[in-house]
Each structure stands twice: as C-alpha cells, then as structure tokens.
C-alpha cells in the first residue's frame, strides 16, 4: 500500500467507514476504493475531493490527502498574523470584547488557549498561581489540575467525565498525536471512575453548568462552543470560540462586580 493509499485508509477507518460504505456514498465501487488504497489506481483530484466531502474531512486532513496524492492543497493555512487574516483577527476580537463582563476564549481544537478576553484573564489570574499562567495554557488541563480550577469546581466529577467523553469522541474523527497526548495527560490526573459511562440523573435542565465555589460564593456557569463553519482556511477551521454565561443572578453579579473593580 502506498503512502497516499495508506493515508486514505487511515482517514476512512478513523471515520468508521467501510470501503463499501464510502464507495456507496461517493457513488463509486468498493473495488475502486480498494484499488486507490492499495496504490493500484491513481485517484483524480475530483475523486479525492468527493471522498473527502463524504467523510467530512477537516480542511487540514483534506490538504494532507491532496499532498499525498501529488496535488496542491485545496485550502490555505495562513498564520493569524498574516495581513490577509486581518478580518478574522478583527472578528475574534469583536466576539471576545462583546462577551465582557463574562469570560470568553479562542481555543485551538487541541484545547490550547489562543486568545482570552479581559474577564477570563481576571478570573484565571485571581484563581491560579502565576507560574501556571505562563507559556502554553490548555483549558482541559487546568480543569483537571489539582492546582488549577479543579478545587473550585463542586461538580468536578460530572464535568470532568463529560469532557473526557467529548475528547474521546473527538479523537475518533481527529486521531491527532496532540489529542492523544492530551488524553493521556488527563487520564494520569486521577480522572473520575467509570467516566466512559454517563451517570443517570447527573444533571437537570437545558444545559450542563459548572458549579464553582470561590471565596465562599457559589457560582453557576455554562458555556457554548462555536466555530467558523464556512472557513476556507485550515487553521481558522480549527479554532473554537468558547463563551461562558452566568446561570443565575448571583453569578451575573459576581462577574459584573469583578469587571467594575478592575476599571
């Protein structure tokens, strides 16, 4: 099997497609898929695009597949600092600023913190030791870290189990070394027992909230994740915007007061 065919087979299996299923949805024979994967057939650019679309490949994986087969990448992969990315940088800043006085962050899909608004900076600076805020910050790691946010979360078991299940699902479609390494690090941090199985009646209501106890004050926060769904750049597609919202009036007042004290 050639490197291009091996990559296609790896991507196909990661997305739980059989050769027959991929062929049916791409309207080609399973035999044709087999020939591509074994190197007996050189696929056209259009065929690769069709297969990538059927499998729902991320832009970066689509580019990898194109390169492996000798074709030019389909999507750009520009650093955010590039002049052409100025509209994206502006959009991210607007979204973060508009979220104040509540926290918001731009994360890479490996859960590394890329940008944060002032509210999140204030919260992390108040709760975490200064050395942990230097260099790379991974939002999942600081939730699991016994010296991070973990001691402040009164429903940590439920939140941590949910995050591990979410990461496990992410790994099924994004078998990246960075995510595998992240999962290994989290599992080494005394994870919840039987995290793979959701506990019945673990939570009630329309969203899962993080319950925190900060300086004797009980807070409830829920978050949403959004992304650039129409991005034509591989790096931009991998960005996630996480926005945090107060789940009750006491939490709303806490963040408003925290912002007022900083002014």
Protein backbone atom coordinates (compact mmCIF):
# COMPACT_ATOMS: atom_id res chain seq x y z
CA UNK A 1 0.00 0.00 0.00
CA UNK A 2 1.43 3.39 -1.00
CA UNK A 3 1.63 6.32 1.41
CA UNK A 4 -1.34 8.05 -0.26
CA UNK A 5 -3.46 4.90 -0.12
CA UNK A 6 -2.41 4.24 3.47
CA UNK A 7 -3.45 7.76 4.46
CA UNK A 8 -6.84 7.36 2.77
CA UNK A 9 -7.39 4.02 4.56
CA UNK A 10 -6.38 5.57 7.89
CA UNK A 11 -8.75 8.51 7.45
CA UNK A 12 -11.56 6.21 6.32
CA UNK A 13 -11.21 3.88 9.30
CA UNK A 14 -10.98 6.79 11.74
CA UNK A 15 -14.37 7.92 10.50
CA UNK A 16 -15.76 4.39 10.72
CA UNK A 17 -16.41 3.96 7.00
CA UNK A 18 -16.03 0.60 5.36
CA UNK A 19 -14.81 0.56 1.77
CA UNK A 20 -18.33 -0.42 0.74
CA UNK A 21 -19.98 2.42 2.68
CA UNK A 22 -17.54 5.01 1.35
CA UNK A 23 -17.97 3.76 -2.19
CA UNK A 24 -21.77 3.81 -1.98
CA UNK A 25 -21.89 7.38 -0.68
CA UNK A 26 -19.25 8.56 -3.17
CA UNK A 27 -21.03 6.69 -5.98
CA UNK A 28 -18.03 4.52 -6.88
CA UNK A 29 -17.40 0.83 -6.32
CA UNK A 30 -15.80 -0.56 -3.20
CA UNK A 31 -13.28 -2.15 -5.56
CA UNK A 32 -12.27 1.31 -6.78
CA UNK A 33 -11.71 2.44 -3.17
CA UNK A 34 -9.63 -0.68 -2.58
CA UNK A 35 -7.53 -0.01 -5.67
CA UNK A 36 -6.83 3.56 -4.51
CA UNK A 37 -5.83 2.37 -1.05
CA UNK A 38 -3.53 -0.35 -2.38
CA UNK A 39 -1.92 2.01 -4.89
CA UNK A 40 -3.26 0.20 -7.97
CA UNK A 41 -5.23 3.28 -9.05
CA UNK A 42 -4.17 6.91 -9.04
CA UNK A 43 -7.26 8.92 -8.00
CA UNK A 44 -8.12 12.17 -9.72
CA UNK A 45 -8.29 15.43 -7.80
CA UNK A 46 -12.07 15.48 -8.16
CA UNK A 47 -12.35 11.94 -6.81
CA UNK A 48 -10.30 12.87 -3.73
CA UNK A 49 -12.47 15.92 -3.14
CA UNK A 50 -15.57 13.73 -3.37
CA UNK A 51 -14.17 11.21 -0.89
CA UNK A 52 -13.07 13.98 1.48
CA UNK A 53 -16.53 15.52 1.34
CA UNK A 54 -18.28 12.19 2.02
CA UNK A 55 -16.00 11.51 5.00
CA UNK A 56 -16.39 15.05 6.30
CA UNK A 57 -12.65 15.56 6.46
CA UNK A 58 -11.27 18.61 8.20
CA UNK A 59 -9.54 21.03 5.84
CA UNK A 60 -6.09 20.04 7.14
CA UNK A 61 -6.76 16.34 6.52
CA UNK A 62 -8.08 17.14 3.05
CA UNK A 63 -4.86 19.02 2.30
CA UNK A 64 -2.80 16.10 3.61
CA UNK A 65 -4.66 13.72 1.33
CA UNK A 66 -4.16 16.01 -1.66
CA UNK A 67 -0.44 16.38 -0.96
CA UNK A 68 -0.01 12.63 -0.53
CA UNK A 69 -1.52 12.07 -3.96
CA UNK A 70 0.59 14.76 -5.62
CA UNK A 71 -1.98 17.54 -5.81
CA UNK A 72 -1.82 21.09 -4.50
CA UNK A 73 -3.62 21.83 -1.21
CA UNK A 74 -7.25 22.89 -1.54
CA UNK A 75 -7.33 25.17 1.50
CA UNK A 76 -4.99 27.86 2.71
CA UNK A 77 -3.24 27.53 6.07
CA UNK A 78 -2.18 31.05 6.99
CA UNK A 79 -0.89 32.26 10.37
CA UNK A 80 -3.33 34.62 12.07
CA UNK A 81 -0.62 37.27 11.95
CA UNK A 82 -0.77 37.41 8.13
CA UNK A 83 -2.23 40.58 6.62
CA UNK A 84 -4.87 38.53 4.79
CA UNK A 85 -6.16 37.29 8.15
CA UNK A 86 -6.87 40.78 9.49
CA UNK A 87 -10.67 40.36 9.12
CA UNK A 88 -10.50 37.11 11.11
CA UNK A 89 -8.44 38.74 13.86
CA UNK A 90 -10.92 41.59 13.99
CA UNK A 91 -13.89 39.21 14.16
CA UNK A 92 -12.28 37.28 17.03
CA UNK A 93 -11.56 40.49 18.95
CA UNK A 94 -15.12 41.72 18.49
CA UNK A 95 -16.57 38.41 19.74
CA UNK A 96 -14.30 38.36 22.78
CA UNK A 97 -14.88 42.03 23.65
CA UNK A 98 -18.64 41.75 23.25
CA UNK A 99 -18.71 38.88 25.75
CA UNK A 100 -17.34 41.04 28.58
CA UNK A 101 -18.02 41.15 31.51
CA UNK A 102 -18.38 37.38 31.08
CA UNK A 103 -15.43 35.16 30.10
CA UNK A 104 -14.67 34.08 26.56
CA UNK A 105 -11.73 32.41 24.86
CA UNK A 106 -10.46 31.38 21.46
CA UNK A 107 -9.13 27.83 21.61
CA UNK A 108 -7.33 25.62 19.17
CA UNK A 109 -9.06 22.29 18.62
CA UNK A 110 -6.40 20.78 20.88
CA UNK A 111 -7.98 22.91 23.67
CA UNK A 112 -4.93 25.17 23.93
CA UNK A 113 -5.81 28.75 24.82
CA UNK A 114 -5.11 31.11 21.92
CA UNK A 115 -6.84 34.33 22.99
CA UNK A 116 -8.88 35.38 26.02
CA UNK A 117 -10.95 38.42 26.89
CA UNK A 118 -10.33 40.56 29.94
CA UNK A 119 -12.95 38.76 32.02
CA UNK A 120 -11.27 35.39 31.58
CA UNK A 121 -7.85 36.91 32.27
CA UNK A 122 -9.19 38.42 35.51
CA UNK A 123 -10.77 35.14 36.61
CA UNK A 124 -7.74 32.95 35.89
CA UNK A 125 -5.36 35.47 37.46
CA UNK A 126 -7.46 35.50 40.63
CA UNK A 127 -7.67 31.70 40.95
CA UNK A 128 -4.47 30.23 39.55
CA UNK A 129 -0.83 30.60 40.63
CA UNK A 130 1.12 32.94 38.37
CA UNK A 131 3.56 30.28 37.04
CA UNK A 132 0.68 28.23 35.63
CA UNK A 133 -0.38 31.21 33.50
CA UNK A 134 2.99 31.40 31.75
CA UNK A 135 3.50 29.73 28.39
CA UNK A 136 1.02 27.28 26.90
CA UNK A 137 -2.33 27.01 28.70
CA UNK A 138 -4.59 24.08 27.96
CA UNK A 139 -8.14 24.63 29.19
CA UNK A 140 -8.82 20.95 29.83
CA UNK A 141 -5.59 20.51 31.76
CA UNK A 142 -6.30 23.41 34.10
CA UNK A 143 -9.72 21.92 34.84
CA UNK A 144 -8.12 18.57 35.75
CA UNK A 145 -5.10 20.03 37.55
CA UNK A 146 -5.41 19.79 41.36
CA UNK A 147 -3.61 23.16 41.47
CA UNK A 148 -5.82 24.63 38.76
CA UNK A 149 -9.59 25.06 38.59
CA UNK A 150 -10.40 21.60 39.94
CA UNK A 151 -10.51 22.59 43.66
CA UNK A 152 -13.06 25.32 42.89
CA UNK A 153 -15.48 23.05 40.98
CA UNK A 154 -18.01 21.40 43.28
CA UNK A 155 -19.38 19.21 40.45
CA UNK A 156 -15.96 18.42 39.03
CA UNK A 157 -16.67 14.70 38.66
CA UNK A 158 -19.59 15.26 36.29
CA UNK A 159 -17.81 17.98 34.29
CA UNK A 160 -14.55 16.03 34.01
CA UNK A 161 -16.32 12.84 32.89
CA UNK A 162 -18.23 14.77 30.23
CA UNK A 163 -15.04 16.41 28.96
CA UNK A 164 -13.26 13.05 28.72
CA UNK A 165 -16.13 11.56 26.75
CA UNK A 166 -16.15 14.58 24.45
CA UNK A 167 -12.39 14.27 23.91
CA UNK A 168 -12.72 10.54 23.20
CA UNK A 169 -15.32 11.29 20.53
CA UNK A 170 -13.10 13.99 19.07
CA UNK A 171 -10.23 11.52 18.85
CA UNK A 172 -12.35 9.17 16.76
CA UNK A 173 -12.56 11.69 13.93
CA UNK A 174 -9.36 13.62 14.69
CA UNK A 175 -6.73 11.00 15.62
CA UNK A 176 -4.08 13.66 16.15
CA UNK A 177 -0.95 12.99 18.25
CA UNK A 178 -1.63 16.19 20.19
CA UNK A 179 -5.08 14.99 21.21
CA UNK A 180 -3.82 11.52 22.06
CA UNK A 181 -1.14 13.08 24.27
CA UNK A 182 -3.73 15.34 25.90
CA UNK A 183 -5.97 12.36 26.68
CA UNK A 184 -3.00 10.52 28.23
CA UNK A 185 -2.17 13.52 30.42
CA UNK A 186 -5.76 13.90 31.60
CA UNK A 187 -6.09 10.20 32.40
CA UNK A 188 -2.95 10.49 34.53
CA UNK A 189 -4.62 13.20 36.67
CA UNK A 190 -6.87 10.91 38.75
CA UNK A 191 -9.92 11.04 36.45
CA UNK A 192 -13.45 10.18 37.59
CA UNK A 193 -14.11 6.47 37.99
CA UNK A 194 -16.15 4.97 35.11
CA UNK A 195 -16.02 8.25 33.20
CA UNK A 196 -16.95 6.39 30.00
CA UNK A 197 -20.49 5.78 31.29
CA UNK A 198 -22.75 8.79 31.96
CA UNK A 199 -24.38 8.66 35.37
CA UNK A 200 -28.20 8.73 35.24
CA UNK A 201 -29.75 11.95 36.52
CA UNK A 202 -26.32 13.58 36.75
CA UNK A 203 -27.82 16.92 35.84
CA UNK A 204 -31.14 18.51 35.16
CA UNK A 205 -32.11 21.42 32.98
CA UNK A 206 -31.34 22.54 29.43
CA UNK A 207 -27.56 22.79 29.85
CA UNK A 208 -24.75 21.38 31.94
CA UNK A 209 -23.40 24.01 34.31
CA UNK A 210 -20.09 24.18 36.10
CA UNK A 211 -20.70 24.77 39.78
CA UNK A 212 -17.90 26.71 41.48
CA UNK A 213 -17.19 27.84 45.00
CA UNK A 214 -14.97 30.92 45.05
CA UNK A 215 -14.22 32.66 48.35
CA UNK A 216 -17.31 31.12 49.84
CA UNK A 217 -19.57 32.25 46.98
CA UNK A 218 -21.42 29.63 44.93
CA UNK A 219 -21.36 30.32 41.18
CA UNK A 220 -23.00 28.57 38.23
CA UNK A 221 -21.58 28.95 34.73
CA UNK A 222 -22.42 27.28 31.44
CA UNK A 223 -20.54 27.58 28.18
CA UNK A 224 -21.10 27.36 24.44
CA UNK A 225 -18.68 26.43 21.66
CA UNK A 226 -18.80 27.94 18.20
CA UNK A 227 -16.53 27.89 15.17
CA UNK A 228 -16.06 29.38 11.70
CA UNK A 229 -18.32 26.97 9.86
CA UNK A 230 -17.62 28.47 6.42
CA UNK A 231 -13.86 28.92 6.88
CA UNK A 232 -11.74 28.11 3.82
CA UNK A 233 -8.51 28.16 5.82
CA UNK A 234 -7.31 25.04 7.66
CA UNK A 235 -6.09 26.94 10.71
CA UNK A 236 -9.23 29.03 11.08
CA UNK A 237 -11.42 25.93 10.85
CA UNK A 238 -9.54 24.53 13.85
CA UNK A 239 -10.38 27.49 16.08
CA UNK A 240 -13.18 27.27 18.66
CA UNK A 241 -14.77 30.21 20.46
CA UNK A 242 -15.86 29.25 23.97
CA UNK A 243 -18.22 31.71 25.65
CA UNK A 244 -19.21 31.47 29.29
CA UNK A 245 -22.52 32.69 30.68
CA UNK A 246 -23.91 33.10 34.20
CA UNK A 247 -26.62 30.55 35.01
CA UNK A 248 -28.10 32.66 37.81
CA UNK A 249 -28.26 36.24 39.08
CA UNK A 250 -25.62 35.74 41.75
CA UNK A 251 -23.08 34.64 39.14
CA UNK A 252 -24.03 37.50 36.85
CA UNK A 253 -23.46 39.97 39.68
CA UNK A 254 -20.11 38.33 40.54
CA UNK A 255 -18.70 38.92 37.03
CA UNK A 256 -20.14 42.41 36.79
CA UNK A 257 -18.56 43.30 40.14
CA UNK A 258 -15.24 41.76 39.12
CA UNK A 259 -15.21 43.90 35.97
CA UNK A 260 -16.17 47.06 37.88
CA UNK A 261 -13.35 46.53 40.38
CA UNK A 262 -10.85 46.27 37.55
CA UNK A 263 -11.90 49.59 35.96
